[in-house]
Amino acid sequence: MVLEPARSFDEAISIEPLSSHTYAAVLRVEWCIGTVPNGGYVASAFFNAARTHMRQTHPTLHNGSADPITMHLTFLRRTEAGPAIFRVEDTKLGTRTSTLHIILSQNDKNGGLRDEVAGYITISNFDTEDGPSMATGFELLPEPVPGGGGGENNAAKVDLRRLARDGRDGAWSRFEVAFTSMRKASRHAEIYTPTTLGQVRRGFVEQWVRFKPYGEVSRWTDPALGFLVDMFPMMLETFDTEPWVRDEEAQKMANEVRRYWYPTVLLNVEFKKRLPEDGVEWLYSRVQTRVLHNGRMDLDIVVLDDEGAVVALSNHVALVVGAERNTSERGSNGNGKLNKL
């Protein structure tokens, strides 16, 4: 069966109730990396499944305004484009927080269901959270480059309007993601990064990002944050763009990274604040890898709004494996027959 593309991000992560604790979804091919749906896109679908479940099955809990404040997702097997089922267990229903255990499953070739992603989602109401607050002195180093709208008072800022209009502002320009025919999910975001040699280094990426699902400029909303925290120029791919390649070693690395796929093993997100109901056009994210060793790496992500407030924090564990693992035939349990992930 050939699936027609969705017409919007909301449709791409839409959830249909089948019962009080079971929901149907369709993972879309246009949000895939190769044959596998992007992990952040899957995270957004989990967000929507959790929110839908609370609205439908527990409409009065948390004053009827229940939203995820944390997500912990473990990717057990490769997902694929096509129908999916979310099964929800109410692990805890509380006054301040509730916890849902959600499993995403898809059909295997023998007609059974294979569990592919398991998650624990903590639910609360941002508007009724109560308790002490304090300034901790936290700061990102090096200091992030803030976004502004141009003018004399914004000389030290990235002119976001100019980025949108011209694709460049000073040292910042649009990052052209390589191999978008395979990395289809990357087409749904405009990513702007610094390109001067002094600002580019391995294991570190900072970016201003606009949401552009299906080629239409949109706005970042709470459900879309899952996608954002898994959408960035991969640490090794910073060597793909010719102006950033300055020596033979870097060029050799550029040739090597084309062979790899970066599947998510674990994805955690904490939502620090609720975005405005109509969303925001721009968000800043910083991605840092501390150690890449034997094909396994950590990723630490901080998301800020254009006022410098922390919107979300995320950390991942990902693998670096041969690209053929993305497309290898799946066994009945969802793993490749020859190259098990």
C-alpha atoms as a PDB file:
ATOM      1  CA  MET A   1       0.000   0.000   0.000  1.00  0.00           C
ATOM      2  CA  VAL A   2       1.359   3.388  -1.025  1.00  0.00           C
ATOM      3  CA  LEU A   3       0.780   6.043   1.619  1.00  0.00           C
ATOM      4  CA  GLU A   4      -0.013   9.549   0.490  1.00  0.00           C
ATOM      5  CA  PRO A   5       2.077  12.260   2.191  1.00  0.00           C
ATOM      6  CA  ALA A   6       0.427  14.167   4.996  1.00  0.00           C
ATOM      7  CA  ARG A   7      -0.474  17.797   4.325  1.00  0.00           C
ATOM      8  CA  SER A   8       0.755  19.219   7.623  1.00  0.00           C
ATOM      9  CA  PHE A   9       2.827  18.329  10.673  1.00  0.00           C
ATOM     10  CA  ASP A  10      -0.340  18.007  12.749  1.00  0.00           C
ATOM     11  CA  GLU A  11      -1.616  15.406  10.304  1.00  0.00           C
ATOM     12  CA  ALA A  12       1.771  13.642  10.252  1.00  0.00           C
ATOM     13  CA  ILE A  13       1.598  13.055  14.039  1.00  0.00           C
ATOM     14  CA  SER A  14      -2.175  12.660  14.294  1.00  0.00           C
ATOM     15  CA  ILE A  15      -3.537  10.055  16.710  1.00  0.00           C
ATOM     16  CA  GLU A  16      -6.856   8.200  16.358  1.00  0.00           C
ATOM     17  CA  PRO A  17      -8.375   6.641  19.499  1.00  0.00           C
ATOM     18  CA  LEU A  18      -9.248   2.949  19.144  1.00  0.00           C
ATOM     19  CA  SER A  19     -10.137   2.458  22.809  1.00  0.00           C
ATOM     20  CA  SER A  20      -9.508   4.213  26.111  1.00  0.00           C
ATOM     21  CA  HIS A  21      -5.854   3.064  26.099  1.00  0.00           C
ATOM     22  CA  THR A  22      -5.079   2.207  22.465  1.00  0.00           C
ATOM     23  CA  TYR A  23      -4.418   4.638  19.635  1.00  0.00           C
ATOM     24  CA  ALA A  24      -3.682   4.343  15.924  1.00  0.00           C
ATOM     25  CA  ALA A  25      -1.188   6.440  13.997  1.00  0.00           C
ATOM     26  CA  VAL A  26       0.581   6.440  10.645  1.00  0.00           C
ATOM     27  CA  LEU A  27       4.325   7.086  10.536  1.00  0.00           C
ATOM     28  CA  ARG A  28       5.000   9.018   7.346  1.00  0.00           C
ATOM     29  CA  VAL A  29       7.719   8.252   4.809  1.00  0.00           C
ATOM     30  CA  GLU A  30       8.468  11.952   4.303  1.00  0.00           C
ATOM     31  CA  TRP A  31       9.714  12.107   7.917  1.00  0.00           C
ATOM     32  CA  CYS A  32      12.182   9.261   7.451  1.00  0.00           C
ATOM     33  CA  ILE A  33      15.946   8.974   7.393  1.00  0.00           C
ATOM     34  CA  GLY A  34      16.345   6.338   4.712  1.00  0.00           C
ATOM     35  CA  THR A  35      13.595   3.837   5.505  1.00  0.00           C
ATOM     36  CA  VAL A  36      13.371   4.650   9.222  1.00  0.00           C
ATOM     37  CA  PRO A  37      11.250   7.480  10.689  1.00  0.00           C
ATOM     38  CA  ASN A  38      13.390  10.149  12.353  1.00  0.00           C
ATOM     39  CA  GLY A  39      13.621   9.581  16.115  1.00  0.00           C
ATOM     40  CA  GLY A  40      12.575  13.146  16.908  1.00  0.00           C
ATOM     41  CA  TYR A  41       9.519  12.817  14.681  1.00  0.00           C
ATOM     42  CA  VAL A  42       8.630   9.649  16.588  1.00  0.00           C
ATOM     43  CA  ALA A  43       9.126  11.594  19.839  1.00  0.00           C
ATOM     44  CA  SER A  44       6.624  14.197  18.606  1.00  0.00           C
ATOM     45  CA  ALA A  45       4.137  11.410  17.897  1.00  0.00           C
ATOM     46  CA  PHE A  46       4.643  10.118  21.464  1.00  0.00           C
ATOM     47  CA  PHE A  47       4.006  13.635  22.787  1.00  0.00           C
ATOM     48  CA  ASN A  48       0.746  13.782  20.867  1.00  0.00           C
ATOM     49  CA  ALA A  49      -0.262  10.282  21.974  1.00  0.00           C
ATOM     50  CA  ALA A  50       0.289  11.207  25.630  1.00  0.00           C
ATOM     51  CA  ARG A  51      -1.582  14.495  25.325  1.00  0.00           C
ATOM     52  CA  THR A  52      -4.458  12.871  23.410  1.00  0.00           C
ATOM     53  CA  HIS A  53      -4.753  10.098  25.996  1.00  0.00           C
ATOM     54  CA  MET A  54      -4.982  12.543  28.891  1.00  0.00           C
ATOM     55  CA  ARG A  55      -7.527  14.710  27.080  1.00  0.00           C
ATOM     56  CA  GLN A  56      -9.704  11.739  26.125  1.00  0.00           C
ATOM     57  CA  THR A  57      -9.403   9.254  28.989  1.00  0.00           C
ATOM     58  CA  HIS A  58      -8.636  11.568  31.922  1.00  0.00           C
ATOM     59  CA  PRO A  59     -10.138  14.914  30.871  1.00  0.00           C
ATOM     60  CA  THR A  60     -10.440  16.340  34.391  1.00  0.00           C
ATOM     61  CA  LEU A  61      -6.941  15.501  35.633  1.00  0.00           C
ATOM     62  CA  HIS A  62      -4.517  18.408  35.977  1.00  0.00           C
ATOM     63  CA  ASN A  63      -7.418  20.832  35.520  1.00  0.00           C
ATOM     64  CA  GLY A  64      -7.974  19.577  31.996  1.00  0.00           C
ATOM     65  CA  SER A  65      -4.654  20.995  30.789  1.00  0.00           C
ATOM     66  CA  ALA A  66      -2.304  18.019  31.002  1.00  0.00           C
ATOM     67  CA  ASP A  67       0.919  18.155  29.003  1.00  0.00           C
ATOM     68  CA  PRO A  68       4.155  16.149  28.982  1.00  0.00           C
ATOM     69  CA  ILE A  69       6.936  17.682  31.061  1.00  0.00           C
ATOM     70  CA  THR A  70       9.412  14.835  30.487  1.00  0.00           C
ATOM     71  CA  MET A  71       9.785  12.015  27.976  1.00  0.00           C
ATOM     72  CA  HIS A  72      12.109   9.023  28.234  1.00  0.00           C
ATOM     73  CA  LEU A  73      12.112   6.945  25.029  1.00  0.00           C
ATOM     74  CA  THR A  74      14.023   3.738  24.363  1.00  0.00           C
ATOM     75  CA  PHE A  75      14.229   2.675  20.720  1.00  0.00           C
ATOM     76  CA  LEU A  76      14.076  -1.116  20.789  1.00  0.00           C
ATOM     77  CA  ARG A  77      13.944  -1.768  17.063  1.00  0.00           C
ATOM     78  CA  ARG A  78      13.723   0.142  13.830  1.00  0.00           C
ATOM     79  CA  THR A  79      10.382   1.728  13.119  1.00  0.00           C
ATOM     80  CA  GLU A  80       9.129   2.024   9.554  1.00  0.00           C
ATOM     81  CA  ALA A  81       6.742   4.154   7.554  1.00  0.00           C
ATOM     82  CA  GLY A  82       3.207   2.859   7.868  1.00  0.00           C
ATOM     83  CA  PRO A  83       0.488   2.136  10.427  1.00  0.00           C
ATOM     84  CA  ALA A  84       1.422   2.036  14.104  1.00  0.00           C
ATOM     85  CA  ILE A  85      -0.302   1.367  17.413  1.00  0.00           C
ATOM     86  CA  PHE A  86       0.281   3.192  20.713  1.00  0.00           C
ATOM     87  CA  ARG A  87      -0.640   1.199  23.831  1.00  0.00           C
ATOM     88  CA  VAL A  88      -0.908   3.254  27.030  1.00  0.00           C
ATOM     89  CA  GLU A  89      -0.644   2.096  30.632  1.00  0.00           C
ATOM     90  CA  ASP A  90      -1.576   4.540  33.389  1.00  0.00           C
ATOM     91  CA  THR A  91       1.413   3.856  35.626  1.00  0.00           C
ATOM     92  CA  LYS A  92       0.510   6.668  38.036  1.00  0.00           C
ATOM     93  CA  LEU A  93      -2.320   9.182  38.061  1.00  0.00           C
ATOM     94  CA  GLY A  94      -1.576  11.941  40.540  1.00  0.00           C
ATOM     95  CA  THR A  95      -2.399  15.489  41.531  1.00  0.00           C
ATOM     96  CA  ARG A  96       0.943  17.152  40.733  1.00  0.00           C
ATOM     97  CA  THR A  97       2.250  14.644  38.165  1.00  0.00           C
ATOM     98  CA  SER A  98       1.041  11.575  36.316  1.00  0.00           C
ATOM     99  CA  THR A  99       3.155   8.961  34.546  1.00  0.00           C
ATOM    100  CA  LEU A 100       2.245   7.048  31.402  1.00  0.00           C
ATOM    101  CA  HIS A 101       4.003   3.979  30.012  1.00  0.00           C
ATOM    102  CA  ILE A 102       3.506   4.001  26.236  1.00  0.00           C
ATOM    103  CA  ILE A 103       4.657   1.397  23.714  1.00  0.00           C
ATOM    104  CA  LEU A 104       4.690   1.947  19.956  1.00  0.00           C
ATOM    105  CA  SER A 105       4.181  -1.238  17.928  1.00  0.00           C
ATOM    106  CA  GLN A 106       3.910  -2.077  14.237  1.00  0.00           C
ATOM    107  CA  ASN A 107       2.950  -5.167  12.265  1.00  0.00           C
ATOM    108  CA  ASP A 108       5.680  -7.661  11.495  1.00  0.00           C
ATOM    109  CA  LYS A 109       5.752  -9.736   8.327  1.00  0.00           C
ATOM    110  CA  ASN A 110       4.102 -12.696  10.081  1.00  0.00           C
ATOM    111  CA  GLY A 111       1.032 -10.689  11.026  1.00  0.00           C
ATOM    112  CA  GLY A 112       1.986 -10.134  14.648  1.00  0.00           C
ATOM    113  CA  LEU A 113       2.932  -6.948  16.461  1.00  0.00           C
ATOM    114  CA  ARG A 114       6.531  -6.011  17.215  1.00  0.00           C
ATOM    115  CA  ASP A 115       7.261  -3.524  19.995  1.00  0.00           C
ATOM    116  CA  GLU A 116       9.630  -0.883  18.644  1.00  0.00           C
ATOM    117  CA  VAL A 117       9.745   2.100  21.025  1.00  0.00           C
ATOM    118  CA  ALA A 118       8.966   2.137  24.744  1.00  0.00           C
ATOM    119  CA  GLY A 119       8.475   5.357  26.654  1.00  0.00           C
ATOM    120  CA  TYR A 120       7.731   6.788  30.070  1.00  0.00           C
ATOM    121  CA  ILE A 121       6.086  10.205  29.886  1.00  0.00           C
ATOM    122  CA  THR A 122       5.571  12.426  32.928  1.00  0.00           C
ATOM    123  CA  ILE A 123       2.487  14.639  32.761  1.00  0.00           C
ATOM    124  CA  SER A 124       1.685  17.862  34.607  1.00  0.00           C
ATOM    125  CA  ASN A 125       0.036  21.250  34.177  1.00  0.00           C
ATOM    126  CA  PHE A 126       2.494  24.086  33.581  1.00  0.00           C
ATOM    127  CA  ASP A 127      -0.023  26.659  34.793  1.00  0.00           C
ATOM    128  CA  THR A 128      -0.548  25.079  38.215  1.00  0.00           C
ATOM    129  CA  GLU A 129       3.018  24.044  39.046  1.00  0.00           C
ATOM    130  CA  ASP A 130       3.902  25.543  42.403  1.00  0.00           C
ATOM    131  CA  GLY A 131       7.081  25.731  44.456  1.00  0.00           C
ATOM    132  CA  PRO A 132      10.324  27.691  44.847  1.00  0.00           C
ATOM    133  CA  SER A 133      12.143  29.206  41.883  1.00  0.00           C
ATOM    134  CA  MET A 134      15.638  30.663  41.809  1.00  0.00           C
ATOM    135  CA  ALA A 135      18.303  31.871  39.420  1.00  0.00           C
ATOM    136  CA  THR A 136      21.052  29.236  39.469  1.00  0.00           C
ATOM    137  CA  GLY A 137      23.707  31.142  37.543  1.00  0.00           C
ATOM    138  CA  PHE A 138      23.632  28.579  34.737  1.00  0.00           C
ATOM    139  CA  GLU A 139      25.219  29.784  31.511  1.00  0.00           C
ATOM    140  CA  LEU A 140      26.281  28.203  28.258  1.00  0.00           C
ATOM    141  CA  LEU A 141      29.937  28.482  27.327  1.00  0.00           C
ATOM    142  CA  PRO A 142      30.824  29.759  24.874  1.00  0.00           C
ATOM    143  CA  GLU A 143      27.978  32.225  25.204  1.00  0.00           C
ATOM    144  CA  PRO A 144      25.251  31.609  22.608  1.00  0.00           C
ATOM    145  CA  VAL A 145      24.745  34.185  19.890  1.00  0.00           C
ATOM    146  CA  PRO A 146      21.288  35.680  20.537  1.00  0.00           C
ATOM    147  CA  GLY A 147      18.741  36.293  17.813  1.00  0.00           C
ATOM    148  CA  GLY A 148      17.467  39.753  16.998  1.00  0.00           C
ATOM    149  CA  GLY A 149      15.688  41.723  14.349  1.00  0.00           C
ATOM    150  CA  GLY A 150      18.472  44.005  13.171  1.00  0.00           C
ATOM    151  CA  GLY A 151      19.189  47.611  14.071  1.00  0.00           C
ATOM    152  CA  GLU A 152      21.948  49.399  15.966  1.00  0.00           C
ATOM    153  CA  ASN A 153      21.096  47.790  19.303  1.00  0.00           C
ATOM    154  CA  ASN A 154      21.365  44.319  17.821  1.00  0.00           C
ATOM    155  CA  ALA A 155      24.906  44.502  16.460  1.00  0.00           C
ATOM    156  CA  ALA A 156      26.001  41.481  18.518  1.00  0.00           C
ATOM    157  CA  LYS A 157      22.959  39.427  17.560  1.00  0.00           C
ATOM    158  CA  VAL A 158      22.102  37.253  14.599  1.00  0.00           C
ATOM    159  CA  ASP A 159      19.581  39.119  12.466  1.00  0.00           C
ATOM    160  CA  LEU A 160      16.903  36.454  12.144  1.00  0.00           C
ATOM    161  CA  ARG A 161      14.922  38.494   9.634  1.00  0.00           C
ATOM    162  CA  ARG A 162      17.968  38.719   7.415  1.00  0.00           C
ATOM    163  CA  LEU A 163      18.595  34.989   7.740  1.00  0.00           C
ATOM    164  CA  ALA A 164      15.035  34.338   6.614  1.00  0.00           C
ATOM    165  CA  ARG A 165      15.304  36.814   3.744  1.00  0.00           C
ATOM    166  CA  ASP A 166      18.847  36.304   2.476  1.00  0.00           C
ATOM    167  CA  GLY A 167      19.945  32.995   3.970  1.00  0.00           C
ATOM    168  CA  ARG A 168      22.943  34.688   5.615  1.00  0.00           C
ATOM    169  CA  ASP A 169      23.848  37.246   8.253  1.00  0.00           C
ATOM    170  CA  GLY A 170      27.540  37.809   8.856  1.00  0.00           C
ATOM    171  CA  ALA A 171      29.160  34.532   9.872  1.00  0.00           C
ATOM    172  CA  TRP A 172      25.829  32.708   9.967  1.00  0.00           C
ATOM    173  CA  SER A 173      24.316  31.032   6.919  1.00  0.00           C
ATOM    174  CA  ARG A 174      21.897  28.291   5.997  1.00  0.00           C
ATOM    175  CA  PHE A 175      23.300  24.801   6.472  1.00  0.00           C
ATOM    176  CA  GLU A 176      22.694  22.664   3.403  1.00  0.00           C
ATOM    177  CA  VAL A 177      22.167  19.153   4.686  1.00  0.00           C
ATOM    178  CA  ALA A 178      23.840  16.546   2.499  1.00  0.00           C
ATOM    179  CA  PHE A 179      21.943  13.630   0.952  1.00  0.00           C
ATOM    180  CA  THR A 180      18.429  14.961   1.521  1.00  0.00           C
ATOM    181  CA  SER A 181      17.101  12.277  -0.827  1.00  0.00           C
ATOM    182  CA  MET A 182      17.894   9.846   1.988  1.00  0.00           C
ATOM    183  CA  ARG A 183      17.476  12.287   4.893  1.00  0.00           C
ATOM    184  CA  LYS A 184      13.961  13.314   3.960  1.00  0.00           C
ATOM    185  CA  ALA A 185      13.114  14.447   7.492  1.00  0.00           C
ATOM    186  CA  SER A 186      15.729  17.206   7.250  1.00  0.00           C
ATOM    187  CA  ARG A 187      13.680  18.938   4.537  1.00  0.00           C
ATOM    188  CA  HIS A 188      11.194  20.081   7.184  1.00  0.00           C
ATOM    189  CA  ALA A 189      13.555  22.521   8.914  1.00  0.00           C
ATOM    190  CA  GLU A 190      15.722  25.483   7.936  1.00  0.00           C
ATOM    191  CA  ILE A 191      18.977  25.267   9.877  1.00  0.00           C
ATOM    192  CA  TYR A 192      21.369  28.217  10.185  1.00  0.00           C
ATOM    193  CA  THR A 193      24.845  27.792  11.654  1.00  0.00           C
ATOM    194  CA  PRO A 194      28.086  29.802  11.874  1.00  0.00           C
ATOM    195  CA  THR A 195      30.496  28.904   9.083  1.00  0.00           C
ATOM    196  CA  THR A 196      33.691  30.704  10.056  1.00  0.00           C
ATOM    197  CA  LEU A 197      36.474  28.284  10.902  1.00  0.00           C
ATOM    198  CA  GLY A 198      36.902  29.652  14.423  1.00  0.00           C
ATOM    199  CA  GLN A 199      33.274  28.876  15.285  1.00  0.00           C
ATOM    200  CA  VAL A 200      33.156  25.355  13.826  1.00  0.00           C
ATOM    201  CA  ARG A 201      34.599  22.373  15.615  1.00  0.00           C
ATOM    202  CA  ARG A 202      33.938  18.683  15.901  1.00  0.00           C
ATOM    203  CA  GLY A 203      31.482  17.578  18.526  1.00  0.00           C
ATOM    204  CA  PHE A 204      29.798  20.982  18.819  1.00  0.00           C
ATOM    205  CA  VAL A 205      26.989  22.602  16.840  1.00  0.00           C
ATOM    206  CA  GLU A 206      24.928  25.721  17.529  1.00  0.00           C
ATOM    207  CA  GLN A 207      22.070  26.694  15.290  1.00  0.00           C
ATOM    208  CA  TRP A 208      19.038  28.874  14.799  1.00  0.00           C
ATOM    209  CA  VAL A 209      16.209  26.852  13.295  1.00  0.00           C
ATOM    210  CA  ARG A 210      12.903  27.589  11.590  1.00  0.00           C
ATOM    211  CA  PHE A 211      10.217  24.940  11.242  1.00  0.00           C
ATOM    212  CA  LYS A 212       9.283  24.358   7.610  1.00  0.00           C
ATOM    213  CA  PRO A 213       7.077  21.268   7.301  1.00  0.00           C
ATOM    214  CA  TYR A 214       6.208  20.402   3.717  1.00  0.00           C
ATOM    215  CA  GLY A 215       8.068  23.446   2.451  1.00  0.00           C
ATOM    216  CA  GLU A 216       5.821  25.938   4.252  1.00  0.00           C
ATOM    217  CA  VAL A 217       7.287  28.168   6.964  1.00  0.00           C
ATOM    218  CA  SER A 218       5.487  27.315  10.183  1.00  0.00           C
ATOM    219  CA  ARG A 219       6.038  27.902  13.891  1.00  0.00           C
ATOM    220  CA  TRP A 220       7.545  25.750  16.596  1.00  0.00           C
ATOM    221  CA  THR A 221       4.914  24.391  18.973  1.00  0.00           C
ATOM    222  CA  ASP A 222       5.219  22.094  21.984  1.00  0.00           C
ATOM    223  CA  PRO A 223       4.613  18.867  20.004  1.00  0.00           C
ATOM    224  CA  ALA A 224       7.261  19.879  17.439  1.00  0.00           C
ATOM    225  CA  LEU A 225      10.005  20.194  20.073  1.00  0.00           C
ATOM    226  CA  GLY A 226      10.581  16.447  19.929  1.00  0.00           C
ATOM    227  CA  PHE A 227      11.481  16.790  16.269  1.00  0.00           C
ATOM    228  CA  LEU A 228      13.731  19.789  16.915  1.00  0.00           C
ATOM    229  CA  VAL A 229      15.879  18.074  19.544  1.00  0.00           C
ATOM    230  CA  ASP A 230      16.737  15.347  17.023  1.00  0.00           C
ATOM    231  CA  MET A 231      17.282  17.613  14.023  1.00  0.00           C
ATOM    232  CA  PHE A 232      20.787  19.045  13.693  1.00  0.00           C
ATOM    233  CA  PRO A 233      23.778  18.711  11.395  1.00  0.00           C
ATOM    234  CA  MET A 234      25.346  15.497  12.600  1.00  0.00           C
ATOM    235  CA  MET A 235      28.651  15.949  14.408  1.00  0.00           C
ATOM    236  CA  LEU A 236      30.639  14.295  11.644  1.00  0.00           C
ATOM    237  CA  GLU A 237      28.682  15.897   8.834  1.00  0.00           C
ATOM    238  CA  THR A 238      30.074  19.353   9.523  1.00  0.00           C
ATOM    239  CA  PHE A 239      32.923  18.325   7.234  1.00  0.00           C
ATOM    240  CA  ASP A 240      30.598  17.761   4.276  1.00  0.00           C
ATOM    241  CA  THR A 241      30.395  21.429   3.279  1.00  0.00           C
ATOM    242  CA  GLU A 242      33.359  22.417   1.167  1.00  0.00           C
ATOM    243  CA  PRO A 243      34.195  25.782   2.847  1.00  0.00           C
ATOM    244  CA  TRP A 244      34.638  23.948   6.151  1.00  0.00           C
ATOM    245  CA  VAL A 245      37.132  21.429   4.719  1.00  0.00           C
ATOM    246  CA  ARG A 246      40.647  22.751   5.242  1.00  0.00           C
ATOM    247  CA  ASP A 247      42.929  19.723   5.179  1.00  0.00           C
ATOM    248  CA  GLU A 248      43.333  16.182   3.890  1.00  0.00           C
ATOM    249  CA  GLU A 249      42.270  14.637   7.193  1.00  0.00           C
ATOM    250  CA  ALA A 250      38.974  16.534   7.146  1.00  0.00           C
ATOM    251  CA  GLN A 251      38.345  15.563   3.523  1.00  0.00           C
ATOM    252  CA  LYS A 252      38.987  11.928   4.381  1.00  0.00           C
ATOM    253  CA  MET A 253      36.484  12.222   7.219  1.00  0.00           C
ATOM    254  CA  ALA A 254      33.945  13.734   4.799  1.00  0.00           C
ATOM    255  CA  ASN A 255      34.269  10.684   2.585  1.00  0.00           C
ATOM    256  CA  GLU A 256      33.851   8.371   5.573  1.00  0.00           C
ATOM    257  CA  VAL A 257      30.710   9.921   7.089  1.00  0.00           C
ATOM    258  CA  ARG A 258      28.720   9.356   3.914  1.00  0.00           C
ATOM    259  CA  ARG A 259      28.725   5.672   4.800  1.00  0.00           C
ATOM    260  CA  TYR A 260      27.042   6.029   8.159  1.00  0.00           C
ATOM    261  CA  TRP A 261      23.624   6.127   9.746  1.00  0.00           C
ATOM    262  CA  TYR A 262      23.024   7.490  13.262  1.00  0.00           C
ATOM    263  CA  PRO A 263      20.128   5.567  14.876  1.00  0.00           C
ATOM    264  CA  THR A 264      18.827   6.789  18.221  1.00  0.00           C
ATOM    265  CA  VAL A 265      19.053   4.304  21.087  1.00  0.00           C
ATOM    266  CA  LEU A 266      17.775   6.554  23.879  1.00  0.00           C
ATOM    267  CA  LEU A 267      16.130  10.001  23.813  1.00  0.00           C
ATOM    268  CA  ASN A 268      15.245  12.054  26.891  1.00  0.00           C
ATOM    269  CA  VAL A 269      13.505  15.431  26.858  1.00  0.00           C
ATOM    270  CA  GLU A 270      12.534  17.791  29.662  1.00  0.00           C
ATOM    271  CA  PHE A 271      10.178  20.602  28.691  1.00  0.00           C
ATOM    272  CA  LYS A 272      11.101  23.636  30.809  1.00  0.00           C
ATOM    273  CA  LYS A 273       8.366  25.958  29.618  1.00  0.00           C
ATOM    274  CA  ARG A 274       5.292  25.919  27.450  1.00  0.00           C
ATOM    275  CA  LEU A 275       5.598  27.737  24.142  1.00  0.00           C
ATOM    276  CA  PRO A 276       2.939  30.325  23.217  1.00  0.00           C
ATOM    277  CA  GLU A 277      -0.240  28.762  21.854  1.00  0.00           C
ATOM    278  CA  ASP A 278       0.489  30.116  18.370  1.00  0.00           C
ATOM    279  CA  GLY A 279       4.119  28.965  18.561  1.00  0.00           C
ATOM    280  CA  VAL A 280       7.359  30.790  17.790  1.00  0.00           C
ATOM    281  CA  GLU A 281       9.153  31.231  14.478  1.00  0.00           C
ATOM    282  CA  TRP A 282      12.733  30.701  15.672  1.00  0.00           C
ATOM    283  CA  LEU A 283      14.450  28.547  18.274  1.00  0.00           C
ATOM    284  CA  TYR A 284      18.135  28.215  19.104  1.00  0.00           C
ATOM    285  CA  SER A 285      19.652  24.844  19.883  1.00  0.00           C
ATOM    286  CA  ARG A 286      23.130  23.812  20.959  1.00  0.00           C
ATOM    287  CA  VAL A 287      24.261  20.240  20.448  1.00  0.00           C
ATOM    288  CA  GLN A 288      27.394  18.818  22.018  1.00  0.00           C
ATOM    289  CA  THR A 289      29.016  15.391  21.940  1.00  0.00           C
ATOM    290  CA  ARG A 290      31.440  14.544  24.721  1.00  0.00           C
ATOM    291  CA  VAL A 291      32.624  11.119  23.555  1.00  0.00           C
ATOM    292  CA  LEU A 292      32.276   9.152  20.320  1.00  0.00           C
ATOM    293  CA  HIS A 293      33.890   5.774  20.889  1.00  0.00           C
ATOM    294  CA  ASN A 294      33.471   2.455  19.101  1.00  0.00           C
ATOM    295  CA  GLY A 295      30.403   3.662  17.244  1.00  0.00           C
ATOM    296  CA  ARG A 296      28.459   4.957  20.257  1.00  0.00           C
ATOM    297  CA  MET A 297      28.039   8.628  21.128  1.00  0.00           C
ATOM    298  CA  ASP A 298      26.255  10.902  23.554  1.00  0.00           C
ATOM    299  CA  LEU A 299      24.410  14.041  22.474  1.00  0.00           C
ATOM    300  CA  ASP A 300      23.445  16.894  24.798  1.00  0.00           C
ATOM    301  CA  ILE A 301      20.934  19.464  23.506  1.00  0.00           C
ATOM    302  CA  VAL A 302      19.812  22.797  24.974  1.00  0.00           C
ATOM    303  CA  VAL A 303      16.953  24.705  23.320  1.00  0.00           C
ATOM    304  CA  LEU A 304      16.530  28.461  23.907  1.00  0.00           C
ATOM    305  CA  ASP A 305      13.971  30.963  22.670  1.00  0.00           C
ATOM    306  CA  ASP A 306      14.903  34.327  21.158  1.00  0.00           C
ATOM    307  CA  GLU A 307      14.978  35.878  24.644  1.00  0.00           C
ATOM    308  CA  GLY A 308      17.531  33.342  25.878  1.00  0.00           C
ATOM    309  CA  ALA A 309      15.107  31.405  28.098  1.00  0.00           C
ATOM    310  CA  VAL A 310      15.584  27.640  28.297  1.00  0.00           C
ATOM    311  CA  VAL A 311      12.708  25.919  26.496  1.00  0.00           C
ATOM    312  CA  ALA A 312      13.834  22.283  26.612  1.00  0.00           C
ATOM    313  CA  LEU A 313      16.769  20.086  27.583  1.00  0.00           C
ATOM    314  CA  SER A 314      17.519  16.783  25.896  1.00  0.00           C
ATOM    315  CA  ASN A 315      20.127  14.064  25.891  1.00  0.00           C
ATOM    316  CA  HIS A 316      20.527  11.123  23.553  1.00  0.00           C
ATOM    317  CA  VAL A 317      22.541   7.990  23.053  1.00  0.00           C
ATOM    318  CA  ALA A 318      23.070   7.193  19.380  1.00  0.00           C
ATOM    319  CA  LEU A 319      25.000   4.651  17.361  1.00  0.00           C
ATOM    320  CA  VAL A 320      27.148   5.234  14.296  1.00  0.00           C
ATOM    321  CA  VAL A 321      26.618   2.245  12.016  1.00  0.00           C
ATOM    322  CA  GLY A 322      26.899   1.398   8.344  1.00  0.00           C
ATOM    323  CA  ALA A 323      24.190   2.960   6.192  1.00  0.00           C
ATOM    324  CA  GLU A 324      23.208  -0.493   4.921  1.00  0.00           C
ATOM    325  CA  ARG A 325      21.793  -1.220   8.389  1.00  0.00           C
ATOM    326  CA  ASN A 326      19.072   1.331   7.669  1.00  0.00           C
ATOM    327  CA  THR A 327      17.724  -0.569   4.682  1.00  0.00           C
ATOM    328  CA  SER A 328      18.539  -4.209   5.492  1.00  0.00           C
ATOM    329  CA  GLU A 329      15.643  -6.655   5.453  1.00  0.00           C
ATOM    330  CA  ARG A 330      13.741  -6.903   8.697  1.00  0.00           C
ATOM    331  CA  GLY A 331      13.167 -10.164  10.484  1.00  0.00           C
ATOM    332  CA  SER A 332       9.876 -11.019  12.143  1.00  0.00           C
ATOM    333  CA  ASN A 333      11.052  -9.257  15.316  1.00  0.00           C
ATOM    334  CA  GLY A 334      11.874  -6.056  13.459  1.00  0.00           C
ATOM    335  CA  ASN A 335      15.644  -6.490  13.298  1.00  0.00           C
ATOM    336  CA  GLY A 336      17.689  -6.912  10.172  1.00  0.00           C
ATOM    337  CA  LYS A 337      18.433 -10.545   9.343  1.00  0.00           C
ATOM    338  CA  LEU A 338      22.120 -10.014   8.736  1.00  0.00           C
ATOM    339  CA  ASN A 339      22.856  -6.739  10.487  1.00  0.00           C
ATOM    340  CA  LYS A 340      20.979  -6.716  13.755  1.00  0.00           C
ATOM    341  CA  LEU A 341      20.509  -3.376  15.499  1.00  0.00           C
END
